PDB file of N, CA and C in Angstrom:
ATOM      1  N   MET A   1       4.192   3.878  -9.192  1.00  0.00           N
ATOM      2  CA  MET A   1       5.104   3.309  -8.255  1.00  0.00           C
ATOM      3  C   MET A   1       6.430   3.052  -8.973  1.00  0.00           C
ATOM      4  N   PRO A   2       7.489   2.908  -8.228  1.00  0.00           N
ATOM      5  CA  PRO A   2       8.794   2.699  -8.855  1.00  0.00           C
ATOM      6  C   PRO A   2       8.795   1.479  -9.772  1.00  0.00           C
ATOM      7  N   GLU A   3       9.402   1.621 -10.918  1.00  0.00           N
ATOM      8  CA  GLU A   3       9.452   0.542 -11.904  1.00  0.00           C
ATOM      9  C   GLU A   3      10.541  -0.473 -11.606  1.00  0.00           C
ATOM     10  N   VAL A   4      11.560  -0.070 -10.869  1.00  0.00           N
ATOM     11  CA  VAL A   4      12.695  -0.960 -10.631  1.00  0.00           C
ATOM     12  C   VAL A   4      12.704  -1.448  -9.193  1.00  0.00           C
ATOM     13  N   GLY A   5      13.381  -2.529  -8.991  1.00  0.00           N
ATOM     14  CA  GLY A   5      13.534  -3.041  -7.641  1.00  0.00           C
ATOM     15  C   GLY A   5      12.670  -4.255  -7.380  1.00  0.00           C
ATOM     16  N   THR A   6      13.112  -5.037  -6.444  1.00  0.00           N
ATOM     17  CA  THR A   6      12.427  -6.257  -6.073  1.00  0.00           C
ATOM     18  C   THR A   6      11.335  -5.958  -5.059  1.00  0.00           C
ATOM     19  N   CYS A   7      10.221  -6.653  -5.181  1.00  0.00           N
ATOM     20  CA  CYS A   7       9.161  -6.532  -4.181  1.00  0.00           C
ATOM     21  C   CYS A   7       9.515  -7.414  -2.995  1.00  0.00           C
ATOM     22  N   ILE A   8       9.619  -6.799  -1.843  1.00  0.00           N
ATOM     23  CA  ILE A   8       9.906  -7.517  -0.616  1.00  0.00           C
ATOM     24  C   ILE A   8       8.724  -7.299   0.322  1.00  0.00           C
ATOM     25  N   PHE A   9       8.118  -8.411   0.735  1.00  0.00           N
ATOM     26  CA  PHE A   9       6.971  -8.333   1.618  1.00  0.00           C
ATOM     27  C   PHE A   9       7.410  -8.552   3.055  1.00  0.00           C
ATOM     28  N   THR A  10       7.198  -7.538   3.879  1.00  0.00           N
ATOM     29  CA  THR A  10       7.397  -7.684   5.314  1.00  0.00           C
ATOM     30  C   THR A  10       6.048  -7.517   6.019  1.00  0.00           C
ATOM     31  N   ARG A  11       5.007  -7.696   5.259  1.00  0.00           N
ATOM     32  CA  ARG A  11       3.603  -7.657   5.678  1.00  0.00           C
ATOM     33  C   ARG A  11       3.170  -6.286   6.198  1.00  0.00           C
ATOM     34  N   LYS A  12       3.391  -5.281   5.342  1.00  0.00           N
ATOM     35  CA  LYS A  12       2.834  -3.963   5.607  1.00  0.00           C
ATOM     36  C   LYS A  12       1.447  -3.916   4.970  1.00  0.00           C
ATOM     37  N   ALA A  13       0.617  -3.038   5.464  1.00  0.00           N
ATOM     38  CA  ALA A  13      -0.707  -2.846   4.879  1.00  0.00           C
ATOM     39  C   ALA A  13      -0.916  -1.352   4.642  1.00  0.00           C
ATOM     40  N   ALA A  14      -1.591  -1.034   3.556  1.00  0.00           N
ATOM     41  CA  ALA A  14      -1.983   0.336   3.257  1.00  0.00           C
ATOM     42  C   ALA A  14      -3.486   0.438   3.472  1.00  0.00           C
ATOM     43  N   ILE A  15      -3.902   1.481   4.159  1.00  0.00           N
ATOM     44  CA  ILE A  15      -5.320   1.704   4.415  1.00  0.00           C
ATOM     45  C   ILE A  15      -5.659   3.133   4.023  1.00  0.00           C
ATOM     46  N   TYR A  16      -6.611   3.274   3.097  1.00  0.00           N
ATOM     47  CA  TYR A  16      -7.073   4.585   2.656  1.00  0.00           C
ATOM     48  C   TYR A  16      -8.293   4.966   3.483  1.00  0.00           C
ATOM     49  N   PHE A  17      -8.273   6.155   4.071  1.00  0.00           N
ATOM     50  CA  PHE A  17      -9.407   6.595   4.866  1.00  0.00           C
ATOM     51  C   PHE A  17      -9.844   8.010   4.484  1.00  0.00           C
ATOM     52  N   GLY A  18      -9.698   8.314   3.194  1.00  0.00           N
ATOM     53  CA  GLY A  18     -10.110   9.618   2.686  1.00  0.00           C
ATOM     54  C   GLY A  18     -11.615   9.705   2.456  1.00  0.00           C
ATOM     55  N   ASN A  19     -12.043  10.784   1.826  1.00  0.00           N
ATOM     56  CA  ASN A  19     -13.466  11.041   1.617  1.00  0.00           C
ATOM     57  C   ASN A  19     -14.041  10.368   0.381  1.00  0.00           C
ATOM     58  N   LYS A  20     -13.198   9.948  -0.537  1.00  0.00           N
ATOM     59  CA  LYS A  20     -13.677   9.295  -1.755  1.00  0.00           C
ATOM     60  C   LYS A  20     -13.873   7.797  -1.508  1.00  0.00           C
ATOM     61  N   GLU A  21     -14.568   7.142  -2.415  1.00  0.00           N
ATOM     62  CA  GLU A  21     -14.829   5.704  -2.292  1.00  0.00           C
ATOM     63  C   GLU A  21     -13.547   4.884  -2.347  1.00  0.00           C
ATOM     64  N   CYS A  22     -12.572   5.367  -3.135  1.00  0.00           N
ATOM     65  CA  CYS A  22     -11.314   4.640  -3.269  1.00  0.00           C
ATOM     66  C   CYS A  22     -10.200   5.589  -3.683  1.00  0.00           C
ATOM     67  N   PHE A  23      -8.973   5.089  -3.594  1.00  0.00           N
ATOM     68  CA  PHE A  23      -7.797   5.813  -4.059  1.00  0.00           C
ATOM     69  C   PHE A  23      -7.137   4.952  -5.129  1.00  0.00           C
ATOM     70  N   ASP A  24      -6.931   5.522  -6.309  1.00  0.00           N
ATOM     71  CA  ASP A  24      -6.285   4.818  -7.418  1.00  0.00           C
ATOM     72  C   ASP A  24      -5.014   5.566  -7.771  1.00  0.00           C
ATOM     73  N   ASP A  25      -3.873   4.891  -7.659  1.00  0.00           N
ATOM     74  CA  ASP A  25      -2.607   5.547  -7.989  1.00  0.00           C
ATOM     75  C   ASP A  25      -2.303   5.491  -9.477  1.00  0.00           C
ATOM     76  N   ASN A  26      -3.209   4.891 -10.256  1.00  0.00           N
ATOM     77  CA  ASN A  26      -3.042   4.752 -11.711  1.00  0.00           C
ATOM     78  C   ASN A  26      -1.811   3.936 -12.084  1.00  0.00           C
ATOM     79  N   LYS A  27      -1.359   3.110 -11.154  1.00  0.00           N
ATOM     80  CA  LYS A  27      -0.209   2.237 -11.399  1.00  0.00           C
ATOM     81  C   LYS A  27      -0.495   0.812 -10.940  1.00  0.00           C
ATOM     82  N   GLY A  28      -1.794   0.507 -10.860  1.00  0.00           N
ATOM     83  CA  GLY A  28      -2.168  -0.861 -10.515  1.00  0.00           C
ATOM     84  C   GLY A  28      -2.602  -1.090  -9.088  1.00  0.00           C
ATOM     85  N   HIS A  29      -2.645  -0.044  -8.276  1.00  0.00           N
ATOM     86  CA  HIS A  29      -3.026  -0.192  -6.877  1.00  0.00           C
ATOM     87  C   HIS A  29      -4.284   0.624  -6.611  1.00  0.00           C
ATOM     88  N   ILE A  30      -5.338  -0.050  -6.210  1.00  0.00           N
ATOM     89  CA  ILE A  30      -6.578   0.631  -5.846  1.00  0.00           C
ATOM     90  C   ILE A  30      -6.860   0.311  -4.384  1.00  0.00           C
ATOM     91  N   LEU A  31      -6.907   1.353  -3.585  1.00  0.00           N
ATOM     92  CA  LEU A  31      -7.210   1.203  -2.168  1.00  0.00           C
ATOM     93  C   LEU A  31      -8.666   1.570  -1.947  1.00  0.00           C
ATOM     94  N   MET A  32      -9.440   0.615  -1.491  1.00  0.00           N
ATOM     95  CA  MET A  32     -10.832   0.882  -1.149  1.00  0.00           C
ATOM     96  C   MET A  32     -10.861   1.525   0.232  1.00  0.00           C
ATOM     97  N   GLN A  33     -11.815   2.406   0.444  1.00  0.00           N
ATOM     98  CA  GLN A  33     -11.906   3.133   1.710  1.00  0.00           C
ATOM     99  C   GLN A  33     -12.027   2.167   2.886  1.00  0.00           C
ATOM    100  N   ASN A  34     -11.151   2.352   3.854  1.00  0.00           N
ATOM    101  CA  ASN A  34     -11.137   1.596   5.119  1.00  0.00           C
ATOM    102  C   ASN A  34     -10.921   0.095   4.961  1.00  0.00           C
ATOM    103  N   GLN A  35     -10.323  -0.339   3.853  1.00  0.00           N
ATOM    104  CA  GLN A  35     -10.034  -1.761   3.638  1.00  0.00           C
ATOM    105  C   GLN A  35      -8.528  -1.937   3.503  1.00  0.00           C
ATOM    106  N   PRO A  36      -7.877  -2.658   4.408  1.00  0.00           N
ATOM    107  CA  PRO A  36      -6.423  -2.831   4.303  1.00  0.00           C
ATOM    108  C   PRO A  36      -6.041  -3.639   3.066  1.00  0.00           C
ATOM    109  N   LEU A  37      -4.949  -3.243   2.449  1.00  0.00           N
ATOM    110  CA  LEU A  37      -4.393  -3.958   1.302  1.00  0.00           C
ATOM    111  C   LEU A  37      -2.937  -4.271   1.609  1.00  0.00           C
ATOM    112  N   ALA A  38      -2.555  -5.534   1.514  1.00  0.00           N
ATOM    113  CA  ALA A  38      -1.155  -5.914   1.716  1.00  0.00           C
ATOM    114  C   ALA A  38      -0.322  -5.302   0.600  1.00  0.00           C
ATOM    115  N   VAL A  39       0.759  -4.634   0.966  1.00  0.00           N
ATOM    116  CA  VAL A  39       1.638  -4.003  -0.020  1.00  0.00           C
ATOM    117  C   VAL A  39       3.086  -4.370   0.281  1.00  0.00           C
ATOM    118  N   CYS A  40       3.881  -4.418  -0.778  1.00  0.00           N
ATOM    119  CA  CYS A  40       5.312  -4.664  -0.591  1.00  0.00           C
ATOM    120  C   CYS A  40       5.964  -3.394  -0.039  1.00  0.00           C
ATOM    121  N   ASP A  41       7.167  -3.524   0.430  1.00  0.00           N
ATOM    122  CA  ASP A  41       7.866  -2.387   1.022  1.00  0.00           C
ATOM    123  C   ASP A  41       8.089  -1.272   0.009  1.00  0.00           C
ATOM    124  N   LYS A  42       8.344  -1.631  -1.240  1.00  0.00           N
ATOM    125  CA  LYS A  42       8.564  -0.631  -2.297  1.00  0.00           C
ATOM    126  C   LYS A  42       7.310   0.217  -2.499  1.00  0.00           C
ATOM    127  N   THR A  43       6.148  -0.428  -2.541  1.00  0.00           N
ATOM    128  CA  THR A  43       4.896   0.295  -2.723  1.00  0.00           C
ATOM    129  C   THR A  43       4.575   1.120  -1.487  1.00  0.00           C
ATOM    130  N   ALA A  44       4.876   0.600  -0.304  1.00  0.00           N
ATOM    131  CA  ALA A  44       4.657   1.356   0.931  1.00  0.00           C
ATOM    132  C   ALA A  44       5.454   2.653   0.925  1.00  0.00           C
ATOM    133  N   VAL A  45       6.702   2.589   0.504  1.00  0.00           N
ATOM    134  CA  VAL A  45       7.541   3.788   0.430  1.00  0.00           C
ATOM    135  C   VAL A  45       6.957   4.772  -0.584  1.00  0.00           C
ATOM    136  N   ALA A  46       6.491   4.253  -1.715  1.00  0.00           N
ATOM    137  CA  ALA A  46       5.911   5.127  -2.741  1.00  0.00           C
ATOM    138  C   ALA A  46       4.657   5.824  -2.217  1.00  0.00           C
ATOM    139  N   PHE A  47       3.799   5.106  -1.502  1.00  0.00           N
ATOM    140  CA  PHE A  47       2.609   5.726  -0.919  1.00  0.00           C
ATOM    141  C   PHE A  47       2.990   6.786   0.114  1.00  0.00           C
ATOM    142  N   LYS A  48       3.989   6.489   0.942  1.00  0.00           N
ATOM    143  CA  LYS A  48       4.431   7.464   1.938  1.00  0.00           C
ATOM    144  C   LYS A  48       4.974   8.726   1.280  1.00  0.00           C
ATOM    145  N   SER A  49       5.609   8.570   0.126  1.00  0.00           N
ATOM    146  CA  SER A  49       6.193   9.734  -0.559  1.00  0.00           C
ATOM    147  C   SER A  49       5.125  10.666  -1.123  1.00  0.00           C
ATOM    148  N   LEU A  50       3.891  10.195  -1.229  1.00  0.00           N
ATOM    149  CA  LEU A  50       2.800  11.056  -1.699  1.00  0.00           C
ATOM    150  C   LEU A  50       2.453  12.118  -0.666  1.00  0.00           C
ATOM    151  N   LYS A  51       2.862  11.905   0.563  1.00  0.00           N
ATOM    152  CA  LYS A  51       2.660  12.825   1.685  1.00  0.00           C
ATOM    153  C   LYS A  51       1.188  13.145   1.919  1.00  0.00           C
ATOM    154  N   GLY A  52       0.324  12.213   1.535  1.00  0.00           N
ATOM    155  CA  GLY A  52      -1.094  12.377   1.814  1.00  0.00           C
ATOM    156  C   GLY A  52      -1.386  11.979   3.249  1.00  0.00           C
ATOM    157  N   GLU A  53      -2.357  12.623   3.827  1.00  0.00           N
ATOM    158  CA  GLU A  53      -2.712  12.305   5.205  1.00  0.00           C
ATOM    159  C   GLU A  53      -3.876  11.331   5.270  1.00  0.00           C
ATOM    160  N   ASP A  54      -4.273  10.781   4.118  1.00  0.00           N
ATOM    161  CA  ASP A  54      -5.421   9.885   4.100  1.00  0.00           C
ATOM    162  C   ASP A  54      -5.052   8.454   3.731  1.00  0.00           C
ATOM    163  N   ILE A  55      -3.761   8.135   3.775  1.00  0.00           N
ATOM    164  CA  ILE A  55      -3.295   6.759   3.574  1.00  0.00           C
ATOM    165  C   ILE A  55      -2.392   6.396   4.744  1.00  0.00           C
ATOM    166  N   TYR A  56      -2.780   5.362   5.457  1.00  0.00           N
ATOM    167  CA  TYR A  56      -1.996   4.869   6.589  1.00  0.00           C
ATOM    168  C   TYR A  56      -1.214   3.642   6.133  1.00  0.00           C
ATOM    169  N   ILE A  57       0.065   3.598   6.447  1.00  0.00           N
ATOM    170  CA  ILE A  57       0.914   2.439   6.169  1.00  0.00           C
ATOM    171  C   ILE A  57       1.290   1.814   7.508  1.00  0.00           C
ATOM    172  N   SER A  58       0.921   0.551   7.690  1.00  0.00           N
ATOM    173  CA  SER A  58       1.215  -0.127   8.951  1.00  0.00           C
ATOM    174  C   SER A  58       2.693  -0.482   9.038  1.00  0.00           C
ATOM    175  N   GLU A  59       3.114  -0.795  10.226  1.00  0.00           N
ATOM    176  CA  GLU A  59       4.463  -1.315  10.432  1.00  0.00           C
ATOM    177  C   GLU A  59       4.521  -2.749   9.904  1.00  0.00           C
ATOM    178  N   SER A  60       5.701  -3.246   9.686  1.00  0.00           N
ATOM    179  CA  SER A  60       5.888  -4.620   9.234  1.00  0.00           C
ATOM    180  C   SER A  60       5.528  -5.600  10.335  1.00  0.00           C
ATOM    181  N   THR A  61       4.826  -6.670   9.972  1.00  0.00           N
ATOM    182  CA  THR A  61       4.525  -7.720  10.935  1.00  0.00           C
ATOM    183  C   THR A  61       5.329  -8.983  10.625  1.00  0.00           C
ATOM    184  N   TYR A  62       5.883  -9.054   9.421  1.00  0.00           N
ATOM    185  CA  TYR A  62       6.675 -10.194   8.960  1.00  0.00           C
ATOM    186  C   TYR A  62       5.872 -11.481   8.875  1.00  0.00           C
ATOM    187  N   PHE A  63       4.551 -11.381   8.915  1.00  0.00           N
ATOM    188  CA  PHE A  63       3.670 -12.524   8.727  1.00  0.00           C
ATOM    189  C   PHE A  63       3.105 -12.458   7.321  1.00  0.00           C
ATOM    190  N   TYR A  64       3.180 -13.556   6.563  1.00  0.00           N
ATOM    191  CA  TYR A  64       2.690 -13.551   5.193  1.00  0.00           C
ATOM    192  C   TYR A  64       1.920 -14.819   4.922  1.00  0.00           C
ATOM    193  N   ASP A  65       0.692 -14.654   4.451  1.00  0.00           N
ATOM    194  CA  ASP A  65      -0.147 -15.821   4.128  1.00  0.00           C
ATOM    195  C   ASP A  65      -0.671 -15.782   2.709  1.00  0.00           C
ATOM    196  N   GLY A  66      -0.002 -15.044   1.853  1.00  0.00           N
ATOM    197  CA  GLY A  66      -0.396 -14.959   0.449  1.00  0.00           C
ATOM    198  C   GLY A  66      -1.015 -13.613   0.131  1.00  0.00           C
ATOM    199  N   GLY A  67      -1.186 -13.354  -1.152  1.00  0.00           N
ATOM    200  CA  GLY A  67      -1.765 -12.090  -1.595  1.00  0.00           C
ATOM    201  C   GLY A  67      -0.724 -10.997  -1.661  1.00  0.00           C
ATOM    202  N   GLY A  68      -1.165  -9.804  -1.854  1.00  0.00           N
ATOM    203  CA  GLY A  68      -0.260  -8.667  -1.925  1.00  0.00           C
ATOM    204  C   GLY A  68      -0.452  -7.903  -3.211  1.00  0.00           C
ATOM    205  N   CYS A  69       0.267  -6.821  -3.323  1.00  0.00           N
ATOM    206  CA  CYS A  69       0.043  -5.897  -4.428  1.00  0.00           C
ATOM    207  C   CYS A  69       0.813  -6.253  -5.684  1.00  0.00           C
ATOM    208  N   CYS A  70       1.862  -7.031  -5.586  1.00  0.00           N
ATOM    209  CA  CYS A  70       2.737  -7.209  -6.748  1.00  0.00           C
ATOM    210  C   CYS A  70       2.819  -8.664  -7.205  1.00  0.00           C
TER     211      CYS A  70
END
C-alpha cells in the first residue's frame, strides 16, 4: 500500500470473496474470505488499483466506532 499520506477513515470496508481462505497484500492487510475489514480511504484506493474482481470496496458511510487497518 502507499507509504505516504494520511489515513482518512470515511468508514469504507473491504470484503474478499475469492476462492482462497484469505487475501494477503504483504503490506499488513489480511482479508479473510467474506469478512468485512474497515479500511482507510488510502488503502481502499490501493485495493481498487489491483483491479481484482474478488475484493469489494464499500462506499463511505462516515460512521466510525473504532478499529481499522492503519
